[in-house]
Structures are given as C-alpha cells and as structure tokens.
Amino acid sequence: MHYREDLLAKRARQLKRRMKDLEEAKMNVRKMRLQGKAYFDKNRYERRQELQVGDLVLLYNSILDKQLSQKVKNRCNGLYKIRVICQDRRTYLLSKLDGMKMQGIYAGNRIKCLIYNIE
C-alpha cells in the first residue's frame, strides 16, 4: 500500500517543480540561441567589396558540392549582371548580358563577383 502513496507523493513534487523546470528550460533555450547568434555573427562571411547594380557576377551552383560524381565540374554558371539589390542586401535579382531578366531571387552566398582585368 505504501507503493501507491509514494508514487502520488512523487507526482505531487513533480507538479510543484513544473513551473520552475519550465522557466529553467526557457532560460536554457534563450541562452543557447544567444550563443548561436554570437557564433554566427563571429563566423559570418563578410563580402570584402559591396556589389552594385550593373556588376558582372557568376552564379555559384551549390548543388554540385554534395555530388561526388560532379566533383570536377565547373561550379559557376554563366555571366550575369546585377539588376536589383534587395533591401536586406543579401539577395539579388539578375539579368543576362543581353538584358533578359532571370527568374528568381538569388542569395548573396551564391553570387560570386567577377574580377577581370582589361588591358
């Protein structure tokens, strides 16, 4: 008979601690998110030179990174011109060199600035 009473007493203690445990879990999640943000901010890729509308760029094909059979393929496609830089400065609308608009919005980490030397 003591077994049932012990279980009920344990459950009552768990219910008393429930709010404290929830608050502790909430604080741990917040702490981990702040640590993740600090890590991201510290290790984030910063573009050395800001891209401008009209710059010539290459479009990086990140899908090929995961495919071993495509290991030696060219990872950049085409030669494009930046048509619009979106407000957040991390996404771009592109057009082909003949002025034809490209479909879609492209993330900044897929855009590689073309460096060329005209002599």
C-alpha atoms as a PDB file:
ATOM      1  CA  MET A   1       0.000   0.000   0.000  1.00  0.00           C
ATOM      2  CA  HIS A   2       2.898   2.364   0.570  1.00  0.00           C
ATOM      3  CA  TYR A   3       3.909   1.994  -3.076  1.00  0.00           C
ATOM      4  CA  ARG A   4       0.875   3.890  -4.379  1.00  0.00           C
ATOM      5  CA  GLU A   5       1.280   6.641  -1.793  1.00  0.00           C
ATOM      6  CA  ASP A   6       4.936   7.047  -2.723  1.00  0.00           C
ATOM      7  CA  LEU A   7       4.039   7.394  -6.399  1.00  0.00           C
ATOM      8  CA  LEU A   8       1.394  10.008  -5.620  1.00  0.00           C
ATOM      9  CA  ALA A   9       3.832  11.949  -3.434  1.00  0.00           C
ATOM     10  CA  LYS A  10       6.459  11.874  -6.196  1.00  0.00           C
ATOM     11  CA  ARG A  11       3.925  13.099  -8.748  1.00  0.00           C
ATOM     12  CA  ALA A  12       2.868  15.936  -6.428  1.00  0.00           C
ATOM     13  CA  ARG A  13       6.526  17.027  -6.102  1.00  0.00           C
ATOM     14  CA  GLN A  14       6.907  16.937  -9.897  1.00  0.00           C
ATOM     15  CA  LEU A  15       3.844  19.121 -10.331  1.00  0.00           C
ATOM     16  CA  LYS A  16       5.176  21.615  -7.781  1.00  0.00           C
ATOM     17  CA  ARG A  17       8.504  21.860  -9.636  1.00  0.00           C
ATOM     18  CA  ARG A  18       6.882  22.038 -13.072  1.00  0.00           C
ATOM     19  CA  MET A  19       6.796  25.849 -13.371  1.00  0.00           C
ATOM     20  CA  LYS A  20      10.375  26.119 -12.124  1.00  0.00           C
ATOM     21  CA  ASP A  21      11.510  23.473 -14.630  1.00  0.00           C
ATOM     22  CA  LEU A  22       9.689  25.231 -17.477  1.00  0.00           C
ATOM     23  CA  GLU A  23      11.331  28.550 -16.599  1.00  0.00           C
ATOM     24  CA  GLU A  24      14.728  26.870 -16.420  1.00  0.00           C
ATOM     25  CA  ALA A  25      14.190  25.231 -19.826  1.00  0.00           C
ATOM     26  CA  LYS A  26      13.091  28.580 -21.280  1.00  0.00           C
ATOM     27  CA  MET A  27      16.249  30.269 -19.970  1.00  0.00           C
ATOM     28  CA  ASN A  28      18.448  27.471 -21.381  1.00  0.00           C
ATOM     29  CA  VAL A  29      16.846  27.785 -24.828  1.00  0.00           C
ATOM     30  CA  ARG A  30      17.334  31.569 -24.774  1.00  0.00           C
ATOM     31  CA  LYS A  31      20.969  31.178 -23.680  1.00  0.00           C
ATOM     32  CA  MET A  32      21.686  28.652 -26.463  1.00  0.00           C
ATOM     33  CA  ARG A  33      20.042  30.885 -29.094  1.00  0.00           C
ATOM     34  CA  LEU A  34      22.163  33.838 -27.997  1.00  0.00           C
ATOM     35  CA  GLN A  35      25.295  31.663 -28.157  1.00  0.00           C
ATOM     36  CA  GLY A  36      24.300  30.510 -31.654  1.00  0.00           C
ATOM     37  CA  LYS A  37      23.752  34.093 -32.771  1.00  0.00           C
ATOM     38  CA  ALA A  38      27.131  35.158 -31.369  1.00  0.00           C
ATOM     39  CA  TYR A  39      28.823  32.266 -33.198  1.00  0.00           C
ATOM     40  CA  PHE A  40      27.054  33.142 -36.456  1.00  0.00           C
ATOM     41  CA  ASP A  41      27.938  36.830 -36.177  1.00  0.00           C
ATOM     42  CA  LYS A  42      31.575  35.978 -35.445  1.00  0.00           C
ATOM     43  CA  ASN A  43      31.995  33.463 -38.292  1.00  0.00           C
ATOM     44  CA  ARG A  44      29.719  35.004 -40.914  1.00  0.00           C
ATOM     45  CA  TYR A  45      31.206  35.625 -44.326  1.00  0.00           C
ATOM     46  CA  GLU A  46      31.553  39.315 -44.985  1.00  0.00           C
ATOM     47  CA  ARG A  47      31.896  40.378 -48.581  1.00  0.00           C
ATOM     48  CA  ARG A  48      35.038  42.498 -48.941  1.00  0.00           C
ATOM     49  CA  GLN A  49      33.549  44.664 -51.622  1.00  0.00           C
ATOM     50  CA  GLU A  50      29.850  45.529 -51.814  1.00  0.00           C
ATOM     51  CA  LEU A  51      28.208  44.553 -55.089  1.00  0.00           C
ATOM     52  CA  GLN A  52      26.498  47.292 -57.081  1.00  0.00           C
ATOM     53  CA  VAL A  53      23.733  47.271 -59.675  1.00  0.00           C
ATOM     54  CA  GLY A  54      25.328  46.559 -63.054  1.00  0.00           C
ATOM     55  CA  ASP A  55      28.255  44.499 -61.684  1.00  0.00           C
ATOM     56  CA  LEU A  56      29.147  41.341 -63.591  1.00  0.00           C
ATOM     57  CA  VAL A  57      28.807  38.196 -61.484  1.00  0.00           C
ATOM     58  CA  LEU A  58      28.901  34.416 -61.689  1.00  0.00           C
ATOM     59  CA  LEU A  59      26.174  32.225 -60.183  1.00  0.00           C
ATOM     60  CA  TYR A  60      27.592  29.506 -57.919  1.00  0.00           C
ATOM     61  CA  ASN A  61      25.897  26.108 -58.210  1.00  0.00           C
ATOM     62  CA  SER A  62      25.980  24.781 -54.642  1.00  0.00           C
ATOM     63  CA  ILE A  63      24.167  21.554 -55.564  1.00  0.00           C
ATOM     64  CA  LEU A  64      27.394  20.222 -57.092  1.00  0.00           C
ATOM     65  CA  ASP A  65      29.125  20.396 -53.681  1.00  0.00           C
ATOM     66  CA  LYS A  66      27.226  17.331 -52.471  1.00  0.00           C
ATOM     67  CA  GLN A  67      27.627  15.176 -55.597  1.00  0.00           C
ATOM     68  CA  LEU A  68      30.862  13.244 -55.822  1.00  0.00           C
ATOM     69  CA  SER A  69      30.261  12.340 -59.474  1.00  0.00           C
ATOM     70  CA  GLN A  70      30.243  16.066 -60.319  1.00  0.00           C
ATOM     71  CA  LYS A  71      33.452  16.768 -58.412  1.00  0.00           C
ATOM     72  CA  VAL A  72      35.426  18.226 -61.318  1.00  0.00           C
ATOM     73  CA  LYS A  73      32.559  20.097 -62.981  1.00  0.00           C
ATOM     74  CA  ASN A  74      32.558  23.862 -63.196  1.00  0.00           C
ATOM     75  CA  ARG A  75      30.680  25.116 -60.145  1.00  0.00           C
ATOM     76  CA  CYS A  76      29.775  28.550 -61.566  1.00  0.00           C
ATOM     77  CA  ASN A  77      27.214  29.216 -64.260  1.00  0.00           C
ATOM     78  CA  GLY A  78      27.096  31.956 -66.826  1.00  0.00           C
ATOM     79  CA  LEU A  79      27.937  35.579 -66.710  1.00  0.00           C
ATOM     80  CA  TYR A  80      25.167  37.759 -65.333  1.00  0.00           C
ATOM     81  CA  LYS A  81      24.560  41.367 -64.433  1.00  0.00           C
ATOM     82  CA  ILE A  82      23.028  42.502 -61.150  1.00  0.00           C
ATOM     83  CA  ARG A  83      19.659  44.060 -61.932  1.00  0.00           C
ATOM     84  CA  VAL A  84      18.309  44.816 -58.430  1.00  0.00           C
ATOM     85  CA  ILE A  85      19.786  44.548 -54.931  1.00  0.00           C
ATOM     86  CA  CYS A  86      17.022  43.725 -52.463  1.00  0.00           C
ATOM     87  CA  GLN A  87      16.576  45.756 -49.282  1.00  0.00           C
ATOM     88  CA  ASP A  88      18.295  43.280 -46.999  1.00  0.00           C
ATOM     89  CA  ARG A  89      21.454  43.485 -49.197  1.00  0.00           C
ATOM     90  CA  ARG A  90      21.753  39.708 -49.216  1.00  0.00           C
ATOM     91  CA  THR A  91      19.537  38.801 -52.158  1.00  0.00           C
ATOM     92  CA  TYR A  92      19.805  39.832 -55.784  1.00  0.00           C
ATOM     93  CA  LEU A  93      17.816  39.862 -58.995  1.00  0.00           C
ATOM     94  CA  LEU A  94      19.924  39.111 -62.061  1.00  0.00           C
ATOM     95  CA  SER A  95      19.724  39.578 -65.797  1.00  0.00           C
ATOM     96  CA  LYS A  96      21.661  38.068 -68.667  1.00  0.00           C
ATOM     97  CA  LEU A  97      24.113  40.232 -70.565  1.00  0.00           C
ATOM     98  CA  ASP A  98      21.576  40.817 -73.356  1.00  0.00           C
ATOM     99  CA  GLY A  99      19.192  42.343 -70.770  1.00  0.00           C
ATOM    100  CA  MET A 100      16.832  39.352 -70.436  1.00  0.00           C
ATOM    101  CA  LYS A 101      15.621  39.084 -66.826  1.00  0.00           C
ATOM    102  CA  MET A 102      16.473  35.904 -64.909  1.00  0.00           C
ATOM    103  CA  GLN A 103      13.670  34.211 -62.990  1.00  0.00           C
ATOM    104  CA  GLY A 104      14.063  34.011 -59.224  1.00  0.00           C
ATOM    105  CA  ILE A 105      15.848  35.719 -56.387  1.00  0.00           C
ATOM    106  CA  TYR A 106      19.425  34.652 -55.686  1.00  0.00           C
ATOM    107  CA  ALA A 107      21.083  34.545 -52.279  1.00  0.00           C
ATOM    108  CA  GLY A 108      24.250  36.549 -51.776  1.00  0.00           C
ATOM    109  CA  ASN A 109      26.293  33.474 -50.920  1.00  0.00           C
ATOM    110  CA  ARG A 110      25.598  32.093 -54.423  1.00  0.00           C
ATOM    111  CA  ILE A 111      26.764  35.267 -56.173  1.00  0.00           C
ATOM    112  CA  LYS A 112      30.471  35.463 -56.983  1.00  0.00           C
ATOM    113  CA  CYS A 113      31.871  38.786 -58.129  1.00  0.00           C
ATOM    114  CA  LEU A 114      33.668  38.567 -61.457  1.00  0.00           C
ATOM    115  CA  ILE A 115      37.103  40.111 -61.287  1.00  0.00           C
ATOM    116  CA  TYR A 116      38.524  40.895 -64.672  1.00  0.00           C
ATOM    117  CA  ASN A 117      41.474  42.829 -65.974  1.00  0.00           C
ATOM    118  CA  ILE A 118      41.122  44.771 -69.213  1.00  0.00           C
ATOM    119  CA  GLU A 119      44.477  45.606 -70.752  1.00  0.00           C
END
